[in-house]
Amino acid sequence: MIADFFLFLDKYFWIDELGVLNVLTFLLSVYVHEHGHYFMAKKLGLKPTRPIIIPFVGAYVSIEQSENNLDIFKVAIAGPVLGTIFGLLCFYVNLLTNNNFIYQLALFSLLINLANLIPLPFLDGGKITKALGIQAIHIIIAGVMFTVAIIYKSYSLAIIGILWLVMYIFIKYQAKNYAPIHRKTAFIGTGLYLILILLLVVHSYLLI
């Protein structure tokens, strides 16, 4: 199982000709993403630190906690927005140049930002959906998991669906609740969130 995992990584996420530059493309992609958080937090006066490189993990920005849902949303989505713009730029430059380094930058940028939009508490997607007040998206995701589990008789997926619902209940009743975002703003924010996901899914699919 572990050997198969590393073979998968080698096949799709490692270009032999680039060598250690594969790692550099990953770090650059994360660094751009974190700068999105940094610039927005600085604009909002939340006293962010410069993105810090964490070996074998990526980068991290320390930000003063806000109790304003709109600020939380803006900071959370700024990373994926900048990361998506960078990823799309690399995607189209790669179409023109067919350059392995640019290809890896596009691949990592698209996938990293897509993964970050998953609505889990420790990811940007979790912060975004909570700030927008659309945590019920967890029920939809769990419903899709249960439907697929029934169709394909996948007990493991059903268990994941149950755990996802438990996580949703925990988030809903344990997390701090700040003043809700205005309905029109939340509608626009939700649209932006879904558009980012759509762009990243389509371009990741085309690239891989």
N, C-alpha and C. Protein backbone atom coordinates (compact mmCIF):
# COMPACT_ATOMS: atom_id res chain seq x y z
N MET A 1 0.82 -1.21 0.00
CA MET A 1 0.00 0.00 0.00
C MET A 1 0.86 1.27 0.00
N ILE A 2 1.85 1.33 0.88
CA ILE A 2 2.74 2.50 0.95
C ILE A 2 3.54 2.64 -0.33
N ALA A 3 4.01 1.49 -0.86
CA ALA A 3 4.77 1.51 -2.11
C ALA A 3 3.92 2.04 -3.26
N ASP A 4 2.65 1.62 -3.30
CA ASP A 4 1.74 2.09 -4.35
C ASP A 4 1.53 3.60 -4.24
N PHE A 5 1.46 4.10 -3.00
CA PHE A 5 1.26 5.53 -2.78
C PHE A 5 2.44 6.33 -3.34
N PHE A 6 3.66 5.85 -3.06
CA PHE A 6 4.84 6.57 -3.55
C PHE A 6 4.97 6.46 -5.07
N LEU A 7 4.53 5.34 -5.63
CA LEU A 7 4.53 5.20 -7.08
C LEU A 7 3.55 6.19 -7.71
N PHE A 8 2.41 6.38 -7.03
CA PHE A 8 1.41 7.35 -7.51
C PHE A 8 1.99 8.77 -7.49
N LEU A 9 2.67 9.11 -6.38
CA LEU A 9 3.29 10.43 -6.27
C LEU A 9 4.35 10.62 -7.35
N ASP A 10 5.14 9.57 -7.58
CA ASP A 10 6.22 9.65 -8.57
C ASP A 10 5.65 9.83 -9.98
N LYS A 11 4.51 9.19 -10.23
CA LYS A 11 3.92 9.24 -11.57
C LYS A 11 3.30 10.59 -11.87
N TYR A 12 2.58 11.17 -10.89
CA TYR A 12 1.80 12.38 -11.15
C TYR A 12 2.40 13.67 -10.60
N PHE A 13 3.27 13.57 -9.59
CA PHE A 13 3.73 14.78 -8.91
C PHE A 13 5.25 14.94 -8.89
N TRP A 14 5.96 14.14 -9.66
CA TRP A 14 7.42 14.25 -9.67
C TRP A 14 7.92 14.12 -11.09
N ILE A 15 8.65 15.12 -11.56
CA ILE A 15 9.25 15.08 -12.89
C ILE A 15 10.76 14.89 -12.69
N ASP A 16 11.27 13.76 -13.14
CA ASP A 16 12.67 13.40 -12.89
C ASP A 16 13.64 14.46 -13.36
N GLU A 17 13.34 15.09 -14.52
CA GLU A 17 14.25 16.09 -15.07
C GLU A 17 14.42 17.30 -14.15
N LEU A 18 13.42 17.57 -13.32
CA LEU A 18 13.50 18.72 -12.42
C LEU A 18 14.24 18.42 -11.12
N GLY A 19 14.24 17.15 -10.70
CA GLY A 19 14.92 16.78 -9.45
C GLY A 19 14.33 17.53 -8.26
N VAL A 20 15.20 18.15 -7.47
CA VAL A 20 14.75 18.86 -6.26
C VAL A 20 13.92 20.10 -6.58
N LEU A 21 13.94 20.53 -7.84
CA LEU A 21 13.12 21.69 -8.22
C LEU A 21 11.63 21.38 -8.07
N ASN A 22 11.28 20.07 -8.04
CA ASN A 22 9.89 19.69 -7.77
C ASN A 22 9.46 20.24 -6.40
N VAL A 23 10.37 20.12 -5.44
CA VAL A 23 10.08 20.61 -4.09
C VAL A 23 9.95 22.12 -4.09
N LEU A 24 10.80 22.79 -4.88
CA LEU A 24 10.76 24.25 -4.96
C LEU A 24 9.43 24.72 -5.52
N THR A 25 8.90 24.04 -6.53
CA THR A 25 7.62 24.44 -7.11
C THR A 25 6.50 24.30 -6.08
N PHE A 26 6.58 23.26 -5.25
CA PHE A 26 5.58 23.07 -4.18
C PHE A 26 5.65 24.23 -3.18
N LEU A 27 6.86 24.53 -2.74
CA LEU A 27 7.04 25.60 -1.75
C LEU A 27 6.62 26.97 -2.30
N LEU A 28 6.94 27.23 -3.56
CA LEU A 28 6.54 28.49 -4.18
C LEU A 28 5.03 28.61 -4.26
N SER A 29 4.37 27.50 -4.58
CA SER A 29 2.90 27.50 -4.68
C SER A 29 2.27 27.82 -3.33
N VAL A 30 2.80 27.19 -2.27
CA VAL A 30 2.28 27.44 -0.92
C VAL A 30 2.59 28.87 -0.50
N TYR A 31 3.79 29.34 -0.84
CA TYR A 31 4.22 30.68 -0.45
C TYR A 31 3.32 31.75 -1.06
N VAL A 32 2.96 31.57 -2.33
CA VAL A 32 2.06 32.51 -3.00
C VAL A 32 0.69 32.50 -2.30
N HIS A 33 0.19 31.31 -2.02
CA HIS A 33 -1.09 31.16 -1.33
C HIS A 33 -1.08 31.90 0.01
N GLU A 34 -0.04 31.68 0.80
CA GLU A 34 0.03 32.31 2.12
C GLU A 34 0.16 33.83 2.02
N HIS A 35 0.77 34.31 0.95
CA HIS A 35 0.87 35.77 0.78
C HIS A 35 -0.51 36.39 0.54
N GLY A 36 -1.44 35.61 -0.02
CA GLY A 36 -2.79 36.12 -0.16
C GLY A 36 -3.39 36.42 1.20
N HIS A 37 -3.21 35.50 2.16
CA HIS A 37 -3.67 35.72 3.53
C HIS A 37 -2.95 36.92 4.14
N TYR A 38 -1.65 36.99 3.90
CA TYR A 38 -0.82 38.04 4.51
C TYR A 38 -1.27 39.43 4.04
N PHE A 39 -1.40 39.62 2.73
CA PHE A 39 -1.75 40.94 2.20
C PHE A 39 -3.13 41.39 2.68
N MET A 40 -4.10 40.46 2.71
CA MET A 40 -5.45 40.83 3.15
C MET A 40 -5.47 41.16 4.64
N ALA A 41 -4.78 40.32 5.44
CA ALA A 41 -4.73 40.56 6.88
C ALA A 41 -4.06 41.90 7.19
N LYS A 42 -3.02 42.23 6.43
CA LYS A 42 -2.33 43.50 6.63
C LYS A 42 -3.25 44.66 6.26
N LYS A 43 -4.00 44.51 5.19
CA LYS A 43 -4.94 45.54 4.76
C LYS A 43 -6.00 45.79 5.83
N LEU A 44 -6.40 44.71 6.53
CA LEU A 44 -7.45 44.81 7.55
C LEU A 44 -6.90 45.17 8.93
N GLY A 45 -5.57 45.35 9.02
CA GLY A 45 -4.96 45.74 10.29
C GLY A 45 -4.88 44.63 11.32
N LEU A 46 -4.74 43.38 10.85
CA LEU A 46 -4.71 42.23 11.77
C LEU A 46 -3.29 41.79 12.14
N LYS A 47 -2.32 42.62 11.85
CA LYS A 47 -0.93 42.43 12.27
C LYS A 47 -0.37 41.04 11.91
N PRO A 48 -0.37 40.70 10.63
CA PRO A 48 0.16 39.38 10.25
C PRO A 48 1.68 39.35 10.23
N THR A 49 2.24 38.17 10.42
CA THR A 49 3.68 37.99 10.23
C THR A 49 3.91 37.60 8.78
N ARG A 50 5.11 37.83 8.30
CA ARG A 50 5.45 37.38 6.95
C ARG A 50 5.34 35.85 6.89
N PRO A 51 4.94 35.29 5.73
CA PRO A 51 4.86 33.83 5.62
C PRO A 51 6.17 33.16 6.03
N ILE A 52 6.05 32.17 6.90
CA ILE A 52 7.21 31.45 7.42
C ILE A 52 7.28 30.07 6.76
N ILE A 53 8.43 29.75 6.17
CA ILE A 53 8.62 28.44 5.55
C ILE A 53 8.78 27.38 6.63
N ILE A 54 7.98 26.31 6.54
CA ILE A 54 8.09 25.18 7.45
C ILE A 54 8.58 23.98 6.64
N PRO A 55 9.80 23.50 6.89
CA PRO A 55 10.36 22.39 6.11
C PRO A 55 9.42 21.19 6.04
N PHE A 56 9.27 20.64 4.82
CA PHE A 56 8.46 19.45 4.55
C PHE A 56 6.96 19.68 4.73
N VAL A 57 6.54 20.92 5.03
CA VAL A 57 5.12 21.20 5.22
C VAL A 57 4.65 22.29 4.26
N GLY A 58 5.35 23.43 4.25
CA GLY A 58 4.95 24.54 3.40
C GLY A 58 5.25 25.86 4.05
N ALA A 59 4.23 26.70 4.25
CA ALA A 59 4.42 28.02 4.85
C ALA A 59 3.23 28.34 5.74
N TYR A 60 3.44 29.31 6.63
CA TYR A 60 2.40 29.65 7.60
C TYR A 60 2.46 31.14 7.91
N VAL A 61 1.27 31.75 8.08
CA VAL A 61 1.19 33.16 8.44
C VAL A 61 0.44 33.27 9.78
N SER A 62 1.06 33.94 10.74
CA SER A 62 0.41 34.17 12.03
C SER A 62 -0.39 35.47 11.94
N ILE A 63 -1.70 35.39 12.26
CA ILE A 63 -2.59 36.54 12.11
C ILE A 63 -3.36 36.78 13.40
N GLU A 64 -3.52 38.04 13.77
CA GLU A 64 -4.31 38.40 14.94
C GLU A 64 -5.77 37.99 14.72
N GLN A 65 -6.35 37.28 15.68
CA GLN A 65 -7.71 36.77 15.53
C GLN A 65 -8.73 37.90 15.47
N SER A 66 -9.61 37.83 14.48
CA SER A 66 -10.68 38.82 14.35
C SER A 66 -11.99 38.21 14.83
N GLU A 67 -12.88 39.04 15.36
CA GLU A 67 -14.19 38.59 15.77
C GLU A 67 -15.26 39.10 14.81
N ASN A 68 -14.82 39.47 13.62
CA ASN A 68 -15.70 39.96 12.58
C ASN A 68 -15.75 38.92 11.46
N ASN A 69 -16.92 38.33 11.21
CA ASN A 69 -17.03 37.27 10.21
C ASN A 69 -16.62 37.71 8.81
N LEU A 70 -16.88 38.97 8.48
CA LEU A 70 -16.51 39.47 7.16
C LEU A 70 -14.99 39.50 7.02
N ASP A 71 -14.29 39.95 8.07
CA ASP A 71 -12.83 39.95 8.05
C ASP A 71 -12.28 38.53 7.97
N ILE A 72 -12.89 37.62 8.74
CA ILE A 72 -12.46 36.21 8.72
C ILE A 72 -12.61 35.64 7.32
N PHE A 73 -13.74 35.94 6.68
CA PHE A 73 -13.98 35.46 5.31
C PHE A 73 -12.95 36.03 4.34
N LYS A 74 -12.72 37.35 4.43
CA LYS A 74 -11.79 37.99 3.50
C LYS A 74 -10.38 37.42 3.61
N VAL A 75 -9.91 37.22 4.84
CA VAL A 75 -8.56 36.69 5.04
C VAL A 75 -8.50 35.24 4.56
N ALA A 76 -9.53 34.45 4.87
CA ALA A 76 -9.52 33.03 4.52
C ALA A 76 -9.55 32.81 3.01
N ILE A 77 -10.36 33.60 2.30
CA ILE A 77 -10.50 33.37 0.87
C ILE A 77 -9.39 34.05 0.06
N ALA A 78 -8.69 35.00 0.67
CA ALA A 78 -7.63 35.72 -0.06
C ALA A 78 -6.50 34.79 -0.50
N GLY A 79 -6.17 33.79 0.34
CA GLY A 79 -5.13 32.83 -0.03
C GLY A 79 -5.50 32.04 -1.27
N PRO A 80 -6.67 31.38 -1.29
CA PRO A 80 -7.09 30.66 -2.49
C PRO A 80 -7.28 31.54 -3.71
N VAL A 81 -7.71 32.78 -3.51
CA VAL A 81 -7.89 33.68 -4.67
C VAL A 81 -6.55 33.96 -5.33
N LEU A 82 -5.55 34.39 -4.53
CA LEU A 82 -4.24 34.68 -5.10
C LEU A 82 -3.59 33.41 -5.64
N GLY A 83 -3.74 32.31 -4.90
CA GLY A 83 -3.18 31.04 -5.35
C GLY A 83 -3.81 30.56 -6.65
N THR A 84 -5.12 30.76 -6.80
CA THR A 84 -5.81 30.35 -8.02
C THR A 84 -5.37 31.21 -9.21
N ILE A 85 -5.26 32.51 -9.00
CA ILE A 85 -4.80 33.41 -10.07
C ILE A 85 -3.40 32.98 -10.52
N PHE A 86 -2.53 32.70 -9.56
CA PHE A 86 -1.16 32.26 -9.89
C PHE A 86 -1.19 30.93 -10.63
N GLY A 87 -2.02 30.00 -10.14
CA GLY A 87 -2.11 28.69 -10.78
C GLY A 87 -2.64 28.77 -12.21
N LEU A 88 -3.65 29.61 -12.43
CA LEU A 88 -4.21 29.77 -13.78
C LEU A 88 -3.21 30.43 -14.71
N LEU A 89 -2.47 31.41 -14.18
CA LEU A 89 -1.42 32.07 -14.98
C LEU A 89 -0.39 31.04 -15.43
N CYS A 90 0.06 30.20 -14.48
CA CYS A 90 1.04 29.16 -14.81
C CYS A 90 0.46 28.15 -15.79
N PHE A 91 -0.83 27.83 -15.62
CA PHE A 91 -1.51 26.87 -16.50
C PHE A 91 -1.43 27.33 -17.95
N TYR A 92 -1.77 28.60 -18.19
CA TYR A 92 -1.82 29.09 -19.57
C TYR A 92 -0.42 29.39 -20.12
N VAL A 93 0.51 29.79 -19.26
CA VAL A 93 1.90 29.96 -19.70
C VAL A 93 2.46 28.61 -20.11
N ASN A 94 2.10 27.55 -19.37
CA ASN A 94 2.56 26.20 -19.71
C ASN A 94 2.03 25.75 -21.07
N LEU A 95 0.80 26.15 -21.41
CA LEU A 95 0.24 25.80 -22.71
C LEU A 95 1.09 26.39 -23.84
N LEU A 96 1.66 27.57 -23.59
CA LEU A 96 2.46 28.24 -24.61
C LEU A 96 3.90 27.75 -24.64
N THR A 97 4.44 27.38 -23.47
CA THR A 97 5.87 27.05 -23.38
C THR A 97 6.16 25.56 -23.24
N ASN A 98 5.16 24.80 -22.71
CA ASN A 98 5.36 23.37 -22.44
C ASN A 98 6.62 23.15 -21.59
N ASN A 99 6.74 23.95 -20.53
CA ASN A 99 7.91 23.92 -19.67
C ASN A 99 7.60 23.11 -18.40
N ASN A 100 8.47 22.15 -18.06
CA ASN A 100 8.21 21.27 -16.92
C ASN A 100 8.11 22.04 -15.60
N PHE A 101 8.95 23.05 -15.42
CA PHE A 101 8.93 23.81 -14.17
C PHE A 101 7.61 24.57 -14.03
N ILE A 102 7.17 25.20 -15.11
CA ILE A 102 5.90 25.94 -15.10
C ILE A 102 4.74 24.96 -14.91
N TYR A 103 4.86 23.80 -15.53
CA TYR A 103 3.82 22.77 -15.38
C TYR A 103 3.65 22.38 -13.92
N GLN A 104 4.77 22.15 -13.23
CA GLN A 104 4.70 21.77 -11.82
C GLN A 104 4.15 22.89 -10.95
N LEU A 105 4.53 24.12 -11.28
CA LEU A 105 3.97 25.26 -10.55
C LEU A 105 2.45 25.31 -10.71
N ALA A 106 1.99 25.10 -11.93
CA ALA A 106 0.54 25.11 -12.19
C ALA A 106 -0.14 23.97 -11.44
N LEU A 107 0.43 22.77 -11.53
CA LEU A 107 -0.16 21.59 -10.90
C LEU A 107 -0.29 21.76 -9.39
N PHE A 108 0.82 22.12 -8.74
CA PHE A 108 0.79 22.27 -7.28
C PHE A 108 -0.10 23.43 -6.85
N SER A 109 -0.06 24.54 -7.59
CA SER A 109 -0.88 25.69 -7.22
C SER A 109 -2.37 25.35 -7.29
N LEU A 110 -2.77 24.69 -8.36
CA LEU A 110 -4.18 24.34 -8.53
C LEU A 110 -4.64 23.36 -7.46
N LEU A 111 -3.85 22.31 -7.23
CA LEU A 111 -4.26 21.26 -6.29
C LEU A 111 -4.20 21.72 -4.83
N ILE A 112 -3.18 22.50 -4.50
CA ILE A 112 -3.05 23.00 -3.12
C ILE A 112 -4.23 23.91 -2.77
N ASN A 113 -4.59 24.79 -3.70
CA ASN A 113 -5.69 25.70 -3.42
C ASN A 113 -7.04 25.00 -3.45
N LEU A 114 -7.18 23.99 -4.30
CA LEU A 114 -8.41 23.20 -4.30
C LEU A 114 -8.56 22.45 -2.99
N ALA A 115 -7.49 21.83 -2.52
CA ALA A 115 -7.53 21.09 -1.26
C ALA A 115 -7.87 22.02 -0.10
N ASN A 116 -7.35 23.25 -0.15
CA ASN A 116 -7.59 24.20 0.93
C ASN A 116 -9.03 24.68 0.99
N LEU A 117 -9.79 24.49 -0.08
CA LEU A 117 -11.18 24.92 -0.10
C LEU A 117 -12.14 23.85 0.41
N ILE A 118 -11.61 22.67 0.75
CA ILE A 118 -12.44 21.64 1.37
C ILE A 118 -12.93 22.19 2.71
N PRO A 119 -14.23 22.11 3.00
CA PRO A 119 -14.77 22.73 4.23
C PRO A 119 -14.46 21.96 5.51
N LEU A 120 -13.18 21.85 5.83
CA LEU A 120 -12.74 21.25 7.08
C LEU A 120 -12.25 22.37 8.00
N PRO A 121 -12.44 22.24 9.32
CA PRO A 121 -12.14 23.32 10.26
C PRO A 121 -10.73 23.90 10.17
N PHE A 122 -9.74 23.04 9.88
CA PHE A 122 -8.35 23.50 9.86
C PHE A 122 -7.90 24.00 8.49
N LEU A 123 -8.82 24.02 7.51
CA LEU A 123 -8.51 24.51 6.18
C LEU A 123 -9.26 25.81 5.90
N ASP A 124 -8.86 26.51 4.85
CA ASP A 124 -9.52 27.76 4.50
C ASP A 124 -11.00 27.55 4.22
N GLY A 125 -11.34 26.42 3.60
CA GLY A 125 -12.73 26.13 3.27
C GLY A 125 -13.61 26.09 4.51
N GLY A 126 -13.09 25.56 5.61
CA GLY A 126 -13.85 25.52 6.85
C GLY A 126 -14.10 26.89 7.41
N LYS A 127 -13.08 27.75 7.36
CA LYS A 127 -13.22 29.12 7.85
C LYS A 127 -14.19 29.91 6.98
N ILE A 128 -14.10 29.67 5.65
CA ILE A 128 -14.95 30.39 4.71
C ILE A 128 -16.42 30.03 4.91
N THR A 129 -16.72 28.73 4.95
CA THR A 129 -18.12 28.30 5.09
C THR A 129 -18.71 28.71 6.44
N LYS A 130 -17.89 28.70 7.48
CA LYS A 130 -18.38 29.12 8.80
C LYS A 130 -18.67 30.62 8.81
N ALA A 131 -17.74 31.41 8.26
CA ALA A 131 -17.93 32.86 8.24
C ALA A 131 -19.15 33.25 7.41
N LEU A 132 -19.40 32.50 6.33
CA LEU A 132 -20.53 32.80 5.45
C LEU A 132 -21.85 32.26 6.00
N GLY A 133 -21.76 31.38 7.00
CA GLY A 133 -22.97 30.79 7.56
C GLY A 133 -23.55 29.71 6.69
N ILE A 134 -22.71 29.03 5.89
CA ILE A 134 -23.20 27.95 5.01
C ILE A 134 -22.60 26.60 5.44
N GLN A 135 -22.51 26.41 6.76
CA GLN A 135 -21.97 25.15 7.26
C GLN A 135 -22.84 23.95 6.91
N ALA A 136 -24.11 24.23 6.52
CA ALA A 136 -25.00 23.14 6.11
C ALA A 136 -24.47 22.42 4.89
N ILE A 137 -23.46 22.99 4.24
CA ILE A 137 -22.84 22.32 3.10
C ILE A 137 -22.28 20.96 3.51
N HIS A 138 -21.98 20.83 4.81
CA HIS A 138 -21.49 19.55 5.32
C HIS A 138 -22.55 18.47 5.20
N ILE A 139 -23.82 18.83 5.38
CA ILE A 139 -24.92 17.86 5.24
C ILE A 139 -25.02 17.40 3.80
N ILE A 140 -24.83 18.32 2.86
CA ILE A 140 -24.88 17.98 1.43
C ILE A 140 -23.75 17.02 1.09
N ILE A 141 -22.54 17.34 1.58
CA ILE A 141 -21.38 16.48 1.31
C ILE A 141 -21.60 15.08 1.88
N ALA A 142 -22.09 15.03 3.14
CA ALA A 142 -22.35 13.73 3.77
C ALA A 142 -23.42 12.97 2.98
N GLY A 143 -24.44 13.68 2.50
CA GLY A 143 -25.49 13.05 1.71
C GLY A 143 -24.95 12.43 0.43
N VAL A 144 -24.04 13.15 -0.23
CA VAL A 144 -23.41 12.62 -1.45
C VAL A 144 -22.60 11.37 -1.12
N MET A 145 -21.87 11.42 0.00
CA MET A 145 -21.07 10.26 0.42
C MET A 145 -21.96 9.04 0.66
N PHE A 146 -23.08 9.25 1.37
CA PHE A 146 -24.00 8.14 1.65
C PHE A 146 -24.60 7.57 0.37
N THR A 147 -24.96 8.47 -0.56
CA THR A 147 -25.55 8.03 -1.83
C THR A 147 -24.56 7.17 -2.62
N VAL A 148 -23.33 7.65 -2.73
CA VAL A 148 -22.29 6.89 -3.45
C VAL A 148 -22.00 5.58 -2.73
N ALA A 149 -22.00 5.63 -1.39
CA ALA A 149 -21.72 4.43 -0.59
C ALA A 149 -22.78 3.36 -0.84
N ILE A 150 -24.05 3.78 -0.95
CA ILE A 150 -25.14 2.83 -1.20
C ILE A 150 -25.04 2.25 -2.60
N ILE A 151 -24.75 3.13 -3.58
CA ILE A 151 -24.67 2.68 -4.98
C ILE A 151 -23.54 1.67 -5.18
N TYR A 152 -22.38 1.97 -4.58
CA TYR A 152 -21.20 1.11 -4.78
C TYR A 152 -20.94 0.18 -3.60
N LYS A 153 -21.87 0.15 -2.64
CA LYS A 153 -21.76 -0.72 -1.47
C LYS A 153 -20.41 -0.54 -0.77
N SER A 154 -20.07 0.72 -0.54
CA SER A 154 -18.79 1.05 0.09
C SER A 154 -19.01 1.40 1.56
N TYR A 155 -18.68 0.46 2.44
CA TYR A 155 -18.85 0.68 3.87
C TYR A 155 -17.88 1.75 4.39
N SER A 156 -16.68 1.78 3.83
CA SER A 156 -15.68 2.75 4.28
C SER A 156 -16.15 4.18 3.99
N LEU A 157 -16.77 4.39 2.83
CA LEU A 157 -17.26 5.72 2.49
C LEU A 157 -18.44 6.10 3.39
N ALA A 158 -19.26 5.13 3.75
CA ALA A 158 -20.38 5.39 4.66
C ALA A 158 -19.87 5.82 6.03
N ILE A 159 -18.79 5.18 6.49
CA ILE A 159 -18.19 5.54 7.77
C ILE A 159 -17.64 6.96 7.72
N ILE A 160 -16.98 7.28 6.59
CA ILE A 160 -16.46 8.65 6.42
C ILE A 160 -17.60 9.65 6.45
N GLY A 161 -18.74 9.30 5.83
CA GLY A 161 -19.91 10.18 5.83
C GLY A 161 -20.43 10.42 7.24
N ILE A 162 -20.44 9.36 8.05
CA ILE A 162 -20.88 9.49 9.44
C ILE A 162 -19.93 10.40 10.22
N LEU A 163 -18.63 10.19 10.03
CA LEU A 163 -17.64 11.02 10.71
C LEU A 163 -17.76 12.48 10.28
N TRP A 164 -18.08 12.68 9.00
CA TRP A 164 -18.24 14.04 8.48
C TRP A 164 -19.42 14.74 9.18
N LEU A 165 -20.53 14.00 9.37
CA LEU A 165 -21.69 14.56 10.05
C LEU A 165 -21.37 14.88 11.51
N VAL A 166 -20.63 13.98 12.17
CA VAL A 166 -20.23 14.21 13.56
C VAL A 166 -19.39 15.48 13.65
N MET A 167 -18.47 15.65 12.69
CA MET A 167 -17.64 16.84 12.66
C MET A 167 -18.50 18.09 12.49
N TYR A 168 -19.50 18.02 11.62
CA TYR A 168 -20.39 19.16 11.40
C TYR A 168 -21.13 19.55 12.68
N ILE A 169 -21.64 18.54 13.39
CA ILE A 169 -22.36 18.80 14.65
C ILE A 169 -21.42 19.44 15.67
N PHE A 170 -20.18 18.92 15.73
CA PHE A 170 -19.20 19.46 16.67
C PHE A 170 -18.90 20.92 16.36
N ILE A 171 -18.68 21.21 15.07
CA ILE A 171 -18.37 22.58 14.65
C ILE A 171 -19.54 23.51 14.96
N LYS A 172 -20.75 23.05 14.66
CA LYS A 172 -21.94 23.89 14.82
C LYS A 172 -22.18 24.29 16.27
N TYR A 173 -21.93 23.35 17.20
CA TYR A 173 -22.29 23.62 18.58
C TYR A 173 -21.11 23.99 19.49
N GLN A 174 -19.89 23.82 18.98
CA GLN A 174 -18.73 24.12 19.81
C GLN A 174 -18.03 25.42 19.39
N ALA A 175 -18.12 25.76 18.13
CA ALA A 175 -17.38 26.94 17.64
C ALA A 175 -18.03 28.24 18.10
N LYS A 176 -17.21 29.28 18.23
CA LYS A 176 -17.71 30.60 18.59
C LYS A 176 -18.52 31.17 17.42
N ASN A 177 -19.60 31.86 17.76
CA ASN A 177 -20.44 32.46 16.73
C ASN A 177 -20.37 33.98 16.83
N TYR A 178 -19.92 34.61 15.73
CA TYR A 178 -19.85 36.06 15.68
C TYR A 178 -21.04 36.58 14.88
N ALA A 179 -21.18 37.89 14.82
CA ALA A 179 -22.30 38.50 14.10
C ALA A 179 -22.29 38.02 12.64
N PRO A 180 -23.45 37.61 12.12
CA PRO A 180 -23.51 37.09 10.75
C PRO A 180 -23.22 38.15 9.70
N ILE A 181 -22.71 37.70 8.56
CA ILE A 181 -22.47 38.58 7.42
C ILE A 181 -23.81 38.94 6.78
N HIS A 182 -23.92 40.15 6.24
CA HIS A 182 -25.12 40.57 5.53
C HIS A 182 -25.46 39.56 4.44
N ARG A 183 -26.75 39.27 4.27
CA ARG A 183 -27.19 38.22 3.35
C ARG A 183 -26.66 38.41 1.93
N LYS A 184 -26.71 39.63 1.41
CA LYS A 184 -26.23 39.88 0.04
C LYS A 184 -24.73 39.60 -0.06
N THR A 185 -23.98 40.04 0.94
CA THR A 185 -22.53 39.80 0.95
C THR A 185 -22.24 38.31 1.05
N ALA A 186 -23.00 37.60 1.87
CA ALA A 186 -22.81 36.16 2.02
C ALA A 186 -23.12 35.45 0.71
N PHE A 187 -24.13 35.92 -0.02
CA PHE A 187 -24.50 35.34 -1.31
C PHE A 187 -23.36 35.50 -2.31
N ILE A 188 -22.79 36.71 -2.36
CA ILE A 188 -21.66 36.98 -3.27
C ILE A 188 -20.45 36.14 -2.87
N GLY A 189 -20.18 36.07 -1.56
CA GLY A 189 -19.05 35.29 -1.06
C GLY A 189 -19.19 33.82 -1.39
N THR A 190 -20.41 33.29 -1.25
CA THR A 190 -20.66 31.89 -1.58
C THR A 190 -20.44 31.64 -3.07
N GLY A 191 -20.87 32.59 -3.89
CA GLY A 191 -20.66 32.47 -5.33
C GLY A 191 -19.18 32.44 -5.67
N LEU A 192 -18.40 33.32 -5.03
CA LEU A 192 -16.95 33.35 -5.26
C LEU A 192 -16.32 32.03 -4.84
N TYR A 193 -16.73 31.52 -3.69
CA TYR A 193 -16.22 30.24 -3.18
C TYR A 193 -16.48 29.11 -4.18
N LEU A 194 -17.69 29.03 -4.70
CA LEU A 194 -18.05 27.96 -5.64
C LEU A 194 -17.36 28.13 -6.99
N ILE A 195 -17.20 29.39 -7.44
CA ILE A 195 -16.50 29.66 -8.70
C ILE A 195 -15.04 29.23 -8.61
N LEU A 196 -14.41 29.53 -7.47
CA LEU A 196 -13.01 29.12 -7.27
C LEU A 196 -12.89 27.60 -7.36
N ILE A 197 -13.80 26.89 -6.69
CA ILE A 197 -13.77 25.43 -6.72
C ILE A 197 -13.93 24.92 -8.15
N LEU A 198 -14.88 25.49 -8.88
CA LEU A 198 -15.13 25.07 -10.26
C LEU A 198 -13.90 25.30 -11.14
N LEU A 199 -13.31 26.48 -11.04
CA LEU A 199 -12.12 26.80 -11.83
C LEU A 199 -10.97 25.83 -11.53
N LEU A 200 -10.77 25.56 -10.25
CA LEU A 200 -9.66 24.70 -9.84
C LEU A 200 -9.89 23.26 -10.25
N VAL A 201 -11.12 22.78 -10.14
CA VAL A 201 -11.43 21.39 -10.52
C VAL A 201 -11.23 21.21 -12.03
N VAL A 202 -11.78 22.12 -12.83
CA VAL A 202 -11.69 22.01 -14.29
C VAL A 202 -10.25 22.08 -14.77
N HIS A 203 -9.49 23.05 -14.28
CA HIS A 203 -8.12 23.21 -14.75
C HIS A 203 -7.18 22.12 -14.21
N SER A 204 -7.45 21.62 -13.00
CA SER A 204 -6.66 20.49 -12.48
C SER A 204 -6.89 19.26 -13.34
N TYR A 205 -8.15 19.03 -13.70
CA TYR A 205 -8.51 17.88 -14.53
C TYR A 205 -7.82 17.98 -15.90
N LEU A 206 -7.85 19.16 -16.49
CA LEU A 206 -7.24 19.35 -17.81
C LEU A 206 -5.71 19.17 -17.75
N LEU A 207 -5.14 19.55 -16.61
CA LEU A 207 -3.68 19.48 -16.48
C LEU A 207 -3.19 18.04 -16.25
N ILE A 208 -3.93 17.31 -15.41
CA ILE A 208 -3.51 15.94 -15.10
C ILE A 208 -3.91 14.98 -16.21
